[in-house]
Amino acid sequence: MVLQQPAVGSSPVNAGPASAAPASGAVVLGLDANCRTLAEADHLAARWAQHVMPPDAGHAHASLLVCTHFVAGRVAVSLRGLPADLGDPAGAADALSALETLGAGTPAAVSLGDRTVDTEAVPGASAERAAEAAARTDGRAVVFAGVGSLTGEVPVSRVLNGSAIDGLAVLGGGEPEPDAVLRTRDHVRPEWSNGVLTLAVSPAGPGIYVPFEVPNPTPCCADHA
């Protein structure tokens, strides 16, 4: 089951030319580190993004997409757009070892391609389902192209043209004004909706919008893309 933002009464505003959907055949990694909250999963996602795609990775880093998925009462994580060498047969086992190195906690399970490494306490099904969801472009994005620039107050035009976010959905209907501003609260978590990476927002005053999802308990340092 993948978390979905409320869509009742929302009006999508589509973006510019770029799409966040990774190319078909991209390497997808599913992780279940026994996270129980979105905040825990967000921190895991940010640390994994740095682990597999350090900032000096350049253009390749911008292709990374890290999402969270509710699976079996836990919050699993998927990473897509990974380096091709992570798809080798040892990749899943290496990823599980890396979880321990990152202090992500165990038990854990990892799914990579047709290989799954798990523990008795955490079967690999959750990691597999997270990877499958990512392949279908489902989930809630934590790390994505341009997320590092979405801090403070940002023009809506920059959100749509300078990041992987493809559209906005205004709760209650309506469309942002051309010069509208997004007050990010340093916490921007768009979700896939019908193949479009969409950020649900709420009005917060004339020409001002805020992301529907409130930081909990505090903004996560996921601005690594």
Foldseek 3Di string as FASTA:
>chain_A
DADDDDQPQWDKDFFDDAALQADPPWKKKKKDLQAQDPQLVLQVQLVVLCVQQNLVNPPLSQNWWKFWGDDPNHIMIMITSTPPVCQDPCNQVVVCVVCVVVVSHDDMKMDIDPDIDGDPVDDNPNRVVNRVCSSVQWGKTNAHRQLLVPAAKAFPNCVRVVTNQGIEIEHNDDDADNRAIEGELSAWIFTDDPSGGYFYWYDDDRSYIYTPDDDVPHRDPNSRD
